[in-house]
Amino acid sequence: MDWKLELVVVPVTDVDRAKRFYSEQAGFDVDVDHRGSDTFRVVQLTPPGSACSIAIGTGLGDMPPGSLKGLQLVVSDIEAARAELVERGVEVSPVRHIDDGVWVDGRGGDWNSFIFFSDPDGNGWAVQESPVRG
């Protein structure tokens, strides 16, 4: 049996602001924007090429806005991903890697090049470069 992670709820304060951030700045596709009532709304967004989506909204859970840290995306070109985010107005870290247990600026080896950004509520994202597969 397959166990697939397909949706992660991201707690936000302002659904419309978060929707704009994730769709216009982070480049996620808006899959669903549904209001079931005044107390329930779900917006599902998916990063390009991902099998897992995020959901933002009202009435989705108890986590405080901004409390989700460590969400991770994987890309084939970390420099291009950083440039795209910067061009879209996202405040993003320089490319960093771990060297002897310490974060330092610059590219690392396979699976060891990262950038970091947060949404307007402070939910934290890492973007990791995957090695070229041949």
N, C-alpha and C. Protein backbone atom coordinates (compact mmCIF):
# COMPACT_ATOMS: atom_id res chain seq x y z
N MET A 1 0.84 -1.17 0.00
CA MET A 1 0.00 0.00 0.00
C MET A 1 0.89 1.24 0.00
N ASP A 2 0.56 2.22 -0.85
CA ASP A 2 1.27 3.50 -0.88
C ASP A 2 0.67 4.43 0.16
N TRP A 3 1.52 5.20 0.82
CA TRP A 3 1.10 6.26 1.74
C TRP A 3 1.67 7.54 1.18
N LYS A 4 0.83 8.37 0.65
CA LYS A 4 1.28 9.57 -0.05
C LYS A 4 0.88 10.82 0.74
N LEU A 5 1.84 11.68 0.96
CA LEU A 5 1.54 12.98 1.56
C LEU A 5 1.07 13.88 0.43
N GLU A 6 -0.17 14.34 0.50
CA GLU A 6 -0.72 15.12 -0.59
C GLU A 6 -1.18 16.52 -0.19
N LEU A 7 -1.29 16.82 1.11
CA LEU A 7 -1.76 18.12 1.53
C LEU A 7 -1.21 18.47 2.91
N VAL A 8 -0.72 19.70 3.04
CA VAL A 8 -0.24 20.22 4.32
C VAL A 8 -0.99 21.52 4.59
N VAL A 9 -1.60 21.62 5.76
CA VAL A 9 -2.30 22.85 6.15
C VAL A 9 -1.27 23.84 6.68
N VAL A 10 -1.30 25.05 6.13
CA VAL A 10 -0.40 26.12 6.54
C VAL A 10 -1.24 27.20 7.23
N PRO A 11 -0.98 27.45 8.52
CA PRO A 11 -1.81 28.40 9.27
C PRO A 11 -1.46 29.86 8.95
N VAL A 12 -2.46 30.64 8.57
CA VAL A 12 -2.26 32.05 8.20
C VAL A 12 -3.32 32.92 8.87
N THR A 13 -3.04 34.22 8.96
CA THR A 13 -4.01 35.16 9.53
C THR A 13 -4.94 35.71 8.48
N ASP A 14 -4.40 36.05 7.33
CA ASP A 14 -5.17 36.71 6.28
C ASP A 14 -5.13 35.82 5.03
N VAL A 15 -6.23 35.16 4.75
CA VAL A 15 -6.27 34.18 3.65
C VAL A 15 -5.99 34.84 2.31
N ASP A 16 -6.58 36.00 2.06
CA ASP A 16 -6.36 36.65 0.77
C ASP A 16 -4.90 37.08 0.59
N ARG A 17 -4.30 37.62 1.64
CA ARG A 17 -2.88 38.02 1.58
C ARG A 17 -2.00 36.79 1.34
N ALA A 18 -2.27 35.71 2.05
CA ALA A 18 -1.49 34.48 1.87
C ALA A 18 -1.69 33.90 0.47
N LYS A 19 -2.92 33.94 -0.01
CA LYS A 19 -3.19 33.44 -1.37
C LYS A 19 -2.39 34.23 -2.40
N ARG A 20 -2.38 35.56 -2.26
CA ARG A 20 -1.58 36.40 -3.18
C ARG A 20 -0.10 36.05 -3.08
N PHE A 21 0.41 35.89 -1.86
CA PHE A 21 1.82 35.56 -1.68
C PHE A 21 2.16 34.25 -2.37
N TYR A 22 1.41 33.21 -2.05
CA TYR A 22 1.75 31.89 -2.59
C TYR A 22 1.52 31.80 -4.09
N SER A 23 0.51 32.45 -4.61
CA SER A 23 0.25 32.35 -6.06
C SER A 23 1.09 33.34 -6.85
N GLU A 24 1.12 34.60 -6.44
CA GLU A 24 1.80 35.62 -7.24
C GLU A 24 3.30 35.71 -6.96
N GLN A 25 3.71 35.49 -5.73
CA GLN A 25 5.12 35.62 -5.41
C GLN A 25 5.86 34.28 -5.40
N ALA A 26 5.28 33.27 -4.76
CA ALA A 26 5.95 31.97 -4.72
C ALA A 26 5.69 31.14 -5.98
N GLY A 27 4.69 31.53 -6.77
CA GLY A 27 4.44 30.85 -8.05
C GLY A 27 3.62 29.58 -7.96
N PHE A 28 2.93 29.35 -6.85
CA PHE A 28 2.10 28.15 -6.70
C PHE A 28 0.83 28.32 -7.56
N ASP A 29 0.30 27.20 -8.02
CA ASP A 29 -0.96 27.19 -8.75
C ASP A 29 -2.13 27.14 -7.77
N VAL A 30 -3.15 27.94 -8.01
CA VAL A 30 -4.36 27.90 -7.19
C VAL A 30 -5.26 26.80 -7.75
N ASP A 31 -5.50 25.77 -6.95
CA ASP A 31 -6.32 24.64 -7.38
C ASP A 31 -7.78 24.83 -6.97
N VAL A 32 -7.98 25.34 -5.76
CA VAL A 32 -9.33 25.47 -5.20
C VAL A 32 -9.36 26.73 -4.35
N ASP A 33 -10.48 27.45 -4.42
CA ASP A 33 -10.78 28.52 -3.46
C ASP A 33 -12.27 28.39 -3.17
N HIS A 34 -12.58 27.76 -2.04
CA HIS A 34 -13.97 27.43 -1.72
C HIS A 34 -14.35 28.01 -0.36
N ARG A 35 -15.47 28.74 -0.34
CA ARG A 35 -16.06 29.24 0.91
C ARG A 35 -17.29 28.40 1.20
N GLY A 36 -17.22 27.63 2.27
CA GLY A 36 -18.38 26.84 2.66
C GLY A 36 -19.34 27.62 3.53
N SER A 37 -18.80 28.63 4.25
CA SER A 37 -19.62 29.47 5.12
C SER A 37 -18.76 30.66 5.55
N ASP A 38 -19.30 31.49 6.41
CA ASP A 38 -18.52 32.62 6.92
C ASP A 38 -17.36 32.17 7.80
N THR A 39 -17.43 30.94 8.30
CA THR A 39 -16.37 30.45 9.19
C THR A 39 -15.52 29.34 8.56
N PHE A 40 -15.77 29.04 7.30
CA PHE A 40 -14.97 28.01 6.64
C PHE A 40 -14.62 28.43 5.22
N ARG A 41 -13.32 28.45 4.95
CA ARG A 41 -12.81 28.69 3.60
C ARG A 41 -11.54 27.88 3.43
N VAL A 42 -11.40 27.26 2.29
CA VAL A 42 -10.18 26.52 1.99
C VAL A 42 -9.65 26.96 0.63
N VAL A 43 -8.36 27.28 0.60
CA VAL A 43 -7.66 27.58 -0.64
C VAL A 43 -6.54 26.56 -0.75
N GLN A 44 -6.57 25.77 -1.82
CA GLN A 44 -5.53 24.77 -2.05
C GLN A 44 -4.62 25.28 -3.14
N LEU A 45 -3.30 25.23 -2.88
CA LEU A 45 -2.30 25.70 -3.83
C LEU A 45 -1.23 24.63 -3.98
N THR A 46 -0.67 24.51 -5.18
CA THR A 46 0.32 23.48 -5.44
C THR A 46 1.55 24.10 -6.10
N PRO A 47 2.74 23.82 -5.54
CA PRO A 47 3.96 24.27 -6.21
C PRO A 47 4.08 23.59 -7.58
N PRO A 48 4.61 24.29 -8.59
CA PRO A 48 4.74 23.68 -9.92
C PRO A 48 5.49 22.34 -9.86
N GLY A 49 4.89 21.32 -10.43
CA GLY A 49 5.51 20.01 -10.50
C GLY A 49 5.38 19.15 -9.26
N SER A 50 4.73 19.65 -8.23
CA SER A 50 4.64 18.91 -6.97
C SER A 50 3.41 18.01 -6.93
N ALA A 51 3.54 16.88 -6.23
CA ALA A 51 2.41 16.01 -5.98
C ALA A 51 1.73 16.36 -4.66
N CYS A 52 2.34 17.26 -3.88
CA CYS A 52 1.80 17.67 -2.59
C CYS A 52 1.39 19.13 -2.66
N SER A 53 0.23 19.44 -2.11
CA SER A 53 -0.30 20.80 -2.09
C SER A 53 -0.30 21.34 -0.68
N ILE A 54 -0.58 22.64 -0.56
CA ILE A 54 -0.82 23.24 0.73
C ILE A 54 -2.26 23.73 0.76
N ALA A 55 -2.80 23.88 1.95
CA ALA A 55 -4.12 24.46 2.13
C ALA A 55 -4.00 25.59 3.14
N ILE A 56 -4.59 26.72 2.79
CA ILE A 56 -4.71 27.84 3.70
C ILE A 56 -6.19 28.14 3.82
N GLY A 57 -6.60 28.78 4.89
CA GLY A 57 -8.01 29.11 4.98
C GLY A 57 -8.45 29.44 6.39
N THR A 58 -9.74 29.36 6.60
CA THR A 58 -10.32 29.55 7.92
C THR A 58 -11.08 28.29 8.27
N GLY A 59 -11.06 27.95 9.55
CA GLY A 59 -11.74 26.75 10.01
C GLY A 59 -11.02 25.46 9.67
N LEU A 60 -9.71 25.54 9.44
CA LEU A 60 -8.96 24.35 9.03
C LEU A 60 -8.18 23.68 10.15
N GLY A 61 -7.97 24.37 11.25
CA GLY A 61 -7.19 23.75 12.32
C GLY A 61 -6.87 24.73 13.43
N ASP A 62 -6.04 24.26 14.37
CA ASP A 62 -5.75 25.02 15.59
C ASP A 62 -4.36 25.64 15.63
N MET A 63 -3.52 25.39 14.66
CA MET A 63 -2.15 25.90 14.73
C MET A 63 -2.15 27.43 14.66
N PRO A 64 -1.31 28.09 15.47
CA PRO A 64 -1.21 29.54 15.37
C PRO A 64 -0.58 29.96 14.04
N PRO A 65 -1.06 31.04 13.43
CA PRO A 65 -0.46 31.51 12.19
C PRO A 65 1.04 31.73 12.35
N GLY A 66 1.79 31.28 11.35
CA GLY A 66 3.23 31.44 11.35
C GLY A 66 3.99 30.36 12.11
N SER A 67 3.30 29.38 12.66
CA SER A 67 3.95 28.37 13.50
C SER A 67 4.54 27.20 12.73
N LEU A 68 4.26 27.10 11.45
CA LEU A 68 4.77 25.97 10.68
C LEU A 68 6.15 26.30 10.13
N LYS A 69 7.13 25.53 10.52
CA LYS A 69 8.52 25.75 10.09
C LYS A 69 9.05 24.47 9.46
N GLY A 70 9.98 24.59 8.55
CA GLY A 70 10.63 23.42 7.99
C GLY A 70 9.95 22.81 6.78
N LEU A 71 8.99 23.51 6.19
CA LEU A 71 8.43 23.03 4.92
C LEU A 71 9.55 23.06 3.89
N GLN A 72 9.62 22.05 3.05
CA GLN A 72 10.76 21.98 2.13
C GLN A 72 10.34 21.64 0.72
N LEU A 73 10.85 22.42 -0.20
CA LEU A 73 10.68 22.20 -1.63
C LEU A 73 12.01 21.74 -2.20
N VAL A 74 11.99 21.00 -3.29
CA VAL A 74 13.21 20.55 -3.95
C VAL A 74 13.18 21.02 -5.40
N VAL A 75 14.29 21.58 -5.85
CA VAL A 75 14.41 22.10 -7.22
C VAL A 75 15.68 21.55 -7.86
N SER A 76 15.73 21.65 -9.18
CA SER A 76 16.92 21.18 -9.89
C SER A 76 18.00 22.25 -10.03
N ASP A 77 17.64 23.52 -9.84
CA ASP A 77 18.60 24.62 -10.00
C ASP A 77 18.33 25.67 -8.93
N ILE A 78 19.13 25.66 -7.88
CA ILE A 78 18.91 26.54 -6.74
C ILE A 78 19.08 28.01 -7.10
N GLU A 79 20.04 28.32 -7.96
CA GLU A 79 20.27 29.71 -8.36
C GLU A 79 19.08 30.25 -9.15
N ALA A 80 18.55 29.44 -10.05
CA ALA A 80 17.39 29.86 -10.84
C ALA A 80 16.16 30.02 -9.94
N ALA A 81 15.99 29.12 -8.98
CA ALA A 81 14.87 29.21 -8.05
C ALA A 81 14.98 30.49 -7.23
N ARG A 82 16.17 30.79 -6.74
CA ARG A 82 16.37 32.02 -5.96
C ARG A 82 16.07 33.25 -6.82
N ALA A 83 16.60 33.27 -8.03
CA ALA A 83 16.38 34.42 -8.93
C ALA A 83 14.89 34.62 -9.19
N GLU A 84 14.15 33.54 -9.39
CA GLU A 84 12.71 33.64 -9.65
C GLU A 84 11.98 34.23 -8.44
N LEU A 85 12.33 33.76 -7.24
CA LEU A 85 11.68 34.29 -6.04
C LEU A 85 12.01 35.77 -5.83
N VAL A 86 13.27 36.13 -6.02
CA VAL A 86 13.68 37.53 -5.86
C VAL A 86 12.94 38.40 -6.87
N GLU A 87 12.85 37.94 -8.12
CA GLU A 87 12.16 38.69 -9.17
C GLU A 87 10.69 38.90 -8.81
N ARG A 88 10.10 37.95 -8.10
CA ARG A 88 8.69 38.04 -7.71
C ARG A 88 8.50 38.82 -6.40
N GLY A 89 9.60 39.31 -5.82
CA GLY A 89 9.51 40.14 -4.62
C GLY A 89 9.56 39.40 -3.30
N VAL A 90 10.01 38.16 -3.31
CA VAL A 90 10.12 37.39 -2.07
C VAL A 90 11.47 37.69 -1.42
N GLU A 91 11.44 37.95 -0.12
CA GLU A 91 12.70 38.11 0.62
C GLU A 91 13.25 36.71 0.86
N VAL A 92 14.39 36.43 0.27
CA VAL A 92 14.96 35.08 0.31
C VAL A 92 16.44 35.16 0.70
N SER A 93 16.89 34.15 1.40
CA SER A 93 18.29 34.11 1.85
C SER A 93 19.22 33.91 0.67
N PRO A 94 20.51 34.16 0.89
CA PRO A 94 21.47 33.74 -0.13
C PRO A 94 21.51 32.21 -0.17
N VAL A 95 22.11 31.66 -1.21
CA VAL A 95 22.33 30.21 -1.27
C VAL A 95 23.29 29.86 -0.14
N ARG A 96 22.93 28.82 0.61
CA ARG A 96 23.73 28.42 1.76
C ARG A 96 23.92 26.91 1.73
N HIS A 97 24.92 26.44 2.46
CA HIS A 97 25.11 25.01 2.64
C HIS A 97 25.70 24.74 4.02
N ILE A 98 25.68 23.49 4.41
CA ILE A 98 26.24 23.10 5.71
C ILE A 98 27.66 22.60 5.48
N ASP A 99 28.59 23.18 6.24
CA ASP A 99 30.00 22.77 6.17
C ASP A 99 30.45 22.47 7.60
N ASP A 100 30.72 21.22 7.86
CA ASP A 100 31.17 20.78 9.18
C ASP A 100 30.19 21.21 10.28
N GLY A 101 28.88 21.09 9.98
CA GLY A 101 27.86 21.38 10.95
C GLY A 101 27.47 22.84 11.09
N VAL A 102 28.01 23.71 10.24
CA VAL A 102 27.75 25.15 10.31
C VAL A 102 27.22 25.63 8.97
N TRP A 103 26.19 26.51 9.00
CA TRP A 103 25.67 27.10 7.76
C TRP A 103 26.63 28.16 7.25
N VAL A 104 27.00 28.07 5.97
CA VAL A 104 27.85 29.06 5.33
C VAL A 104 27.25 29.43 3.98
N ASP A 105 27.54 30.64 3.51
CA ASP A 105 27.04 31.08 2.21
C ASP A 105 27.76 30.35 1.09
N GLY A 106 27.03 30.13 0.00
CA GLY A 106 27.58 29.48 -1.19
C GLY A 106 26.98 28.11 -1.40
N ARG A 107 27.24 27.57 -2.58
CA ARG A 107 26.74 26.25 -2.96
C ARG A 107 27.51 25.16 -2.23
N GLY A 108 26.83 24.06 -1.98
CA GLY A 108 27.47 22.88 -1.41
C GLY A 108 27.46 21.75 -2.43
N GLY A 109 27.71 20.55 -1.98
CA GLY A 109 27.68 19.39 -2.87
C GLY A 109 26.26 18.89 -3.07
N ASP A 110 26.13 17.65 -3.54
CA ASP A 110 24.82 17.06 -3.78
C ASP A 110 23.94 17.16 -2.53
N TRP A 111 22.71 17.60 -2.73
CA TRP A 111 21.70 17.76 -1.68
C TRP A 111 22.13 18.77 -0.60
N ASN A 112 23.10 19.62 -0.85
CA ASN A 112 23.61 20.52 0.18
C ASN A 112 23.68 21.97 -0.30
N SER A 113 22.67 22.40 -1.05
CA SER A 113 22.53 23.82 -1.42
C SER A 113 21.09 24.21 -1.14
N PHE A 114 20.90 25.26 -0.35
CA PHE A 114 19.58 25.66 0.14
C PHE A 114 19.38 27.17 0.03
N ILE A 115 18.10 27.56 -0.05
CA ILE A 115 17.68 28.92 0.19
C ILE A 115 16.49 28.85 1.15
N PHE A 116 16.21 29.97 1.81
CA PHE A 116 15.16 30.00 2.82
C PHE A 116 14.30 31.24 2.64
N PHE A 117 12.99 31.08 2.85
CA PHE A 117 12.08 32.21 2.84
C PHE A 117 10.91 31.93 3.77
N SER A 118 10.17 32.98 4.09
CA SER A 118 8.97 32.84 4.93
C SER A 118 7.81 33.53 4.25
N ASP A 119 6.59 33.05 4.55
CA ASP A 119 5.40 33.73 4.06
C ASP A 119 5.13 34.94 4.95
N PRO A 120 4.13 35.76 4.64
CA PRO A 120 3.89 36.97 5.44
C PRO A 120 3.58 36.71 6.91
N ASP A 121 3.16 35.51 7.26
CA ASP A 121 2.89 35.19 8.67
C ASP A 121 4.10 34.62 9.38
N GLY A 122 5.14 34.27 8.64
CA GLY A 122 6.33 33.69 9.25
C GLY A 122 6.45 32.19 9.14
N ASN A 123 5.55 31.53 8.40
CA ASN A 123 5.72 30.10 8.14
C ASN A 123 6.99 29.94 7.31
N GLY A 124 7.89 29.05 7.74
CA GLY A 124 9.21 28.97 7.14
C GLY A 124 9.38 27.86 6.13
N TRP A 125 10.01 28.23 5.01
CA TRP A 125 10.25 27.31 3.90
C TRP A 125 11.75 27.19 3.62
N ALA A 126 12.17 25.99 3.27
CA ALA A 126 13.51 25.74 2.75
C ALA A 126 13.34 25.24 1.32
N VAL A 127 14.27 25.62 0.47
CA VAL A 127 14.32 25.10 -0.90
C VAL A 127 15.68 24.45 -1.06
N GLN A 128 15.69 23.20 -1.46
CA GLN A 128 16.92 22.41 -1.56
C GLN A 128 17.15 22.01 -3.01
N GLU A 129 18.41 22.09 -3.43
CA GLU A 129 18.74 21.64 -4.79
C GLU A 129 19.02 20.15 -4.76
N SER A 130 18.37 19.43 -5.69
CA SER A 130 18.63 17.99 -5.81
C SER A 130 19.76 17.79 -6.82
N PRO A 131 20.51 16.71 -6.66
CA PRO A 131 21.58 16.46 -7.62
C PRO A 131 21.01 16.11 -8.99
N VAL A 132 21.80 16.40 -10.01
CA VAL A 132 21.41 16.02 -11.37
C VAL A 132 21.44 14.50 -11.45
N ARG A 133 20.37 13.94 -11.95
CA ARG A 133 20.29 12.48 -12.05
C ARG A 133 20.52 12.07 -13.48
N GLY A 134 21.32 11.07 -13.66
CA GLY A 134 21.64 10.69 -15.03
C GLY A 134 21.34 9.35 -15.33
